[in-house]
Amino acid sequence: MASPADKSPRRGSLTQWLLQGGADPDPRFTLANERTFLAWIRTSLALLAGGIAIEAFTAELFDPVIRKALAILLLVLAMLLAAGACGRWLIVERAMRQGRPLPLSLLAPLLALGATVVAAVVVVVIYSRSA
């Protein structure tokens, strides 16, 4: 019967290279890290859908330049969030395996800033239309 040590990745494997050694953390922590990754991916997909919706369905509400800028902003934010989620998952997994403190996330401020800019533009457009 194989021991748990026999199930660890071999040296030189992709897993070992990505995770850079350390001890396997409690599986609950690894699974929580994966759930957080998936939550960021869900948010990224929502932003992607929002960018597509802005471009496809708001021609009568927004000036073409503003509509394209909002759509592009949402799509770029979705792209950055998806890429950042992957990087964040890997950094957290490495930190857990090496017993280091978990780093702060740049994803939350990025998302907050992007959402603030989009909301501000929408508020200005709606306010200027009603005047």
C-alpha atoms as a PDB file:
ATOM      1  CA  MET A   1       0.000   0.000   0.000  1.00  0.00           C
ATOM      2  CA  ALA A   2       1.363   3.429  -0.969  1.00  0.00           C
ATOM      3  CA  SER A   3       1.990   5.991   1.727  1.00  0.00           C
ATOM      4  CA  PRO A   4       0.755   9.620   1.346  1.00  0.00           C
ATOM      5  CA  ALA A   5       4.358  10.626   0.589  1.00  0.00           C
ATOM      6  CA  ASP A   6       4.280   8.331  -2.460  1.00  0.00           C
ATOM      7  CA  LYS A   7       1.335  10.319  -3.881  1.00  0.00           C
ATOM      8  CA  SER A   8       3.186  13.637  -3.888  1.00  0.00           C
ATOM      9  CA  PRO A   9       4.339  14.977  -7.246  1.00  0.00           C
ATOM     10  CA  ARG A  10       7.690  13.821  -8.516  1.00  0.00           C
ATOM     11  CA  ARG A  11      10.562  16.306  -8.802  1.00  0.00           C
ATOM     12  CA  GLY A  12      10.517  18.034 -12.143  1.00  0.00           C
ATOM     13  CA  SER A  13       6.786  17.616 -12.664  1.00  0.00           C
ATOM     14  CA  LEU A  14       4.655  20.582 -13.678  1.00  0.00           C
ATOM     15  CA  THR A  15       2.936  20.570 -10.294  1.00  0.00           C
ATOM     16  CA  GLN A  16       6.213  20.686  -8.418  1.00  0.00           C
ATOM     17  CA  TRP A  17       7.497  23.459 -10.681  1.00  0.00           C
ATOM     18  CA  LEU A  18       4.345  25.561 -10.255  1.00  0.00           C
ATOM     19  CA  LEU A  19       3.987  25.068  -6.513  1.00  0.00           C
ATOM     20  CA  GLN A  20       7.715  25.293  -5.732  1.00  0.00           C
ATOM     21  CA  GLY A  21       7.864  22.656  -3.031  1.00  0.00           C
ATOM     22  CA  GLY A  22       6.602  22.736   0.511  1.00  0.00           C
ATOM     23  CA  ALA A  23       4.241  20.447   2.344  1.00  0.00           C
ATOM     24  CA  ASP A  24       0.695  19.665   1.267  1.00  0.00           C
ATOM     25  CA  PRO A  25      -1.675  21.884   3.269  1.00  0.00           C
ATOM     26  CA  ASP A  26      -4.883  20.644   4.843  1.00  0.00           C
ATOM     27  CA  PRO A  27      -7.143  19.777   1.884  1.00  0.00           C
ATOM     28  CA  ARG A  28      -9.853  22.059   3.277  1.00  0.00           C
ATOM     29  CA  PHE A  29      -7.561  25.060   2.764  1.00  0.00           C
ATOM     30  CA  THR A  30      -6.699  24.021  -0.772  1.00  0.00           C
ATOM     31  CA  LEU A  31     -10.381  23.541  -1.583  1.00  0.00           C
ATOM     32  CA  ALA A  32     -11.240  26.927  -0.037  1.00  0.00           C
ATOM     33  CA  ASN A  33      -8.548  28.498  -2.211  1.00  0.00           C
ATOM     34  CA  GLU A  34     -10.115  26.851  -5.274  1.00  0.00           C
ATOM     35  CA  ARG A  35     -13.590  28.094  -4.297  1.00  0.00           C
ATOM     36  CA  THR A  36     -12.213  31.624  -4.011  1.00  0.00           C
ATOM     37  CA  PHE A  37     -10.613  31.265  -7.448  1.00  0.00           C
ATOM     38  CA  LEU A  38     -13.943  30.132  -8.881  1.00  0.00           C
ATOM     39  CA  ALA A  39     -15.724  33.089  -7.264  1.00  0.00           C
ATOM     40  CA  TRP A  40     -13.299  35.489  -8.963  1.00  0.00           C
ATOM     41  CA  ILE A  41     -13.853  33.656 -12.270  1.00  0.00           C
ATOM     42  CA  ARG A  42     -17.642  33.969 -11.839  1.00  0.00           C
ATOM     43  CA  THR A  43     -17.211  37.692 -11.277  1.00  0.00           C
ATOM     44  CA  SER A  44     -15.012  37.905 -14.359  1.00  0.00           C
ATOM     45  CA  LEU A  45     -17.668  36.141 -16.431  1.00  0.00           C
ATOM     46  CA  ALA A  46     -20.323  38.554 -15.130  1.00  0.00           C
ATOM     47  CA  LEU A  47     -18.165  41.509 -16.189  1.00  0.00           C
ATOM     48  CA  LEU A  48     -17.651  39.883 -19.583  1.00  0.00           C
ATOM     49  CA  ALA A  49     -21.418  39.484 -19.989  1.00  0.00           C
ATOM     50  CA  GLY A  50     -21.905  43.094 -18.874  1.00  0.00           C
ATOM     51  CA  GLY A  51     -19.446  44.367 -21.467  1.00  0.00           C
ATOM     52  CA  ILE A  52     -21.178  42.413 -24.209  1.00  0.00           C
ATOM     53  CA  ALA A  53     -24.608  43.607 -23.020  1.00  0.00           C
ATOM     54  CA  ILE A  54     -23.513  47.254 -22.950  1.00  0.00           C
ATOM     55  CA  GLU A  55     -22.277  47.023 -26.531  1.00  0.00           C
ATOM     56  CA  ALA A  56     -25.216  44.974 -27.825  1.00  0.00           C
ATOM     57  CA  PHE A  57     -28.229  46.518 -26.102  1.00  0.00           C
ATOM     58  CA  THR A  58     -27.594  50.141 -25.164  1.00  0.00           C
ATOM     59  CA  ALA A  59     -27.219  51.903 -28.514  1.00  0.00           C
ATOM     60  CA  GLU A  60     -30.155  54.219 -27.756  1.00  0.00           C
ATOM     61  CA  LEU A  61     -28.977  55.044 -24.227  1.00  0.00           C
ATOM     62  CA  PHE A  62     -25.280  55.859 -24.728  1.00  0.00           C
ATOM     63  CA  ASP A  63     -23.323  57.851 -27.235  1.00  0.00           C
ATOM     64  CA  PRO A  64     -21.330  55.369 -29.403  1.00  0.00           C
ATOM     65  CA  VAL A  65     -17.976  56.525 -27.978  1.00  0.00           C
ATOM     66  CA  ILE A  66     -19.160  56.181 -24.363  1.00  0.00           C
ATOM     67  CA  ARG A  67     -20.824  52.837 -25.105  1.00  0.00           C
ATOM     68  CA  LYS A  68     -17.635  51.434 -26.622  1.00  0.00           C
ATOM     69  CA  ALA A  69     -15.513  52.827 -23.767  1.00  0.00           C
ATOM     70  CA  LEU A  70     -17.785  51.242 -21.128  1.00  0.00           C
ATOM     71  CA  ALA A  71     -17.890  47.919 -22.970  1.00  0.00           C
ATOM     72  CA  ILE A  72     -14.118  47.872 -23.429  1.00  0.00           C
ATOM     73  CA  LEU A  73     -13.550  48.829 -19.787  1.00  0.00           C
ATOM     74  CA  LEU A  74     -15.762  45.961 -18.606  1.00  0.00           C
ATOM     75  CA  LEU A  75     -14.128  43.496 -21.002  1.00  0.00           C
ATOM     76  CA  VAL A  76     -10.590  44.517 -19.998  1.00  0.00           C
ATOM     77  CA  LEU A  77     -11.576  44.353 -16.330  1.00  0.00           C
ATOM     78  CA  ALA A  78     -12.959  40.838 -16.911  1.00  0.00           C
ATOM     79  CA  MET A  79      -9.731  39.813 -18.602  1.00  0.00           C
ATOM     80  CA  LEU A  80      -7.534  41.244 -15.830  1.00  0.00           C
ATOM     81  CA  LEU A  81      -9.705  39.668 -13.143  1.00  0.00           C
ATOM     82  CA  ALA A  82      -9.556  36.213 -14.758  1.00  0.00           C
ATOM     83  CA  ALA A  83      -5.778  36.397 -15.138  1.00  0.00           C
ATOM     84  CA  GLY A  84      -5.391  37.809 -11.625  1.00  0.00           C
ATOM     85  CA  ALA A  85      -7.563  35.044 -10.183  1.00  0.00           C
ATOM     86  CA  CYS A  86      -5.229  32.422 -11.599  1.00  0.00           C
ATOM     87  CA  GLY A  87      -2.154  34.212 -10.285  1.00  0.00           C
ATOM     88  CA  ARG A  88      -3.788  34.740  -6.899  1.00  0.00           C
ATOM     89  CA  TRP A  89      -4.725  31.061  -6.603  1.00  0.00           C
ATOM     90  CA  LEU A  90      -1.132  30.042  -7.317  1.00  0.00           C
ATOM     91  CA  ILE A  91       0.418  32.585  -4.919  1.00  0.00           C
ATOM     92  CA  VAL A  92      -1.917  31.562  -2.088  1.00  0.00           C
ATOM     93  CA  GLU A  93      -1.320  27.858  -2.715  1.00  0.00           C
ATOM     94  CA  ARG A  94       2.444  28.393  -2.616  1.00  0.00           C
ATOM     95  CA  ALA A  95       2.201  30.436   0.582  1.00  0.00           C
ATOM     96  CA  MET A  96       0.123  27.743   2.294  1.00  0.00           C
ATOM     97  CA  ARG A  97       2.540  25.003   1.231  1.00  0.00           C
ATOM     98  CA  GLN A  98       5.554  26.965   2.466  1.00  0.00           C
ATOM     99  CA  GLY A  99       3.972  28.137   5.721  1.00  0.00           C
ATOM    100  CA  ARG A 100       4.190  31.822   4.770  1.00  0.00           C
ATOM    101  CA  PRO A 101       1.536  34.471   5.518  1.00  0.00           C
ATOM    102  CA  LEU A 102      -1.075  34.899   2.845  1.00  0.00           C
ATOM    103  CA  PRO A 103      -0.444  37.966   0.691  1.00  0.00           C
ATOM    104  CA  LEU A 104      -2.947  40.766   0.216  1.00  0.00           C
ATOM    105  CA  SER A 105      -4.984  40.592  -2.951  1.00  0.00           C
ATOM    106  CA  LEU A 106      -4.804  43.257  -5.630  1.00  0.00           C
ATOM    107  CA  LEU A 107      -7.981  41.884  -7.192  1.00  0.00           C
ATOM    108  CA  ALA A 108     -10.391  43.563  -4.776  1.00  0.00           C
ATOM    109  CA  PRO A 109      -9.011  47.108  -5.267  1.00  0.00           C
ATOM    110  CA  LEU A 110      -8.841  46.542  -9.039  1.00  0.00           C
ATOM    111  CA  LEU A 111     -12.451  45.416  -9.132  1.00  0.00           C
ATOM    112  CA  ALA A 112     -13.570  48.265  -6.871  1.00  0.00           C
ATOM    113  CA  LEU A 113     -11.783  50.867  -8.986  1.00  0.00           C
ATOM    114  CA  GLY A 114     -13.163  49.468 -12.242  1.00  0.00           C
ATOM    115  CA  ALA A 115     -16.709  49.246 -10.911  1.00  0.00           C
ATOM    116  CA  THR A 116     -16.453  52.799  -9.556  1.00  0.00           C
ATOM    117  CA  VAL A 117     -15.355  54.170 -12.934  1.00  0.00           C
ATOM    118  CA  VAL A 118     -18.128  52.319 -14.786  1.00  0.00           C
ATOM    119  CA  ALA A 119     -20.756  53.434 -12.268  1.00  0.00           C
ATOM    120  CA  ALA A 120     -19.555  57.042 -12.385  1.00  0.00           C
ATOM    121  CA  VAL A 121     -19.776  57.127 -16.186  1.00  0.00           C
ATOM    122  CA  VAL A 122     -23.279  55.633 -16.114  1.00  0.00           C
ATOM    123  CA  VAL A 123     -24.411  58.156 -13.465  1.00  0.00           C
ATOM    124  CA  VAL A 124     -23.044  61.070 -15.485  1.00  0.00           C
ATOM    125  CA  VAL A 125     -24.700  59.820 -18.690  1.00  0.00           C
ATOM    126  CA  ILE A 126     -28.054  59.251 -17.021  1.00  0.00           C
ATOM    127  CA  TYR A 127     -27.923  62.603 -15.234  1.00  0.00           C
ATOM    128  CA  SER A 128     -27.022  64.461 -18.429  1.00  0.00           C
ATOM    129  CA  ARG A 129     -29.880  62.775 -20.348  1.00  0.00           C
ATOM    130  CA  SER A 130     -32.535  63.839 -17.864  1.00  0.00           C
ATOM    131  CA  ALA A 131     -31.471  67.519 -17.901  1.00  0.00           C
END
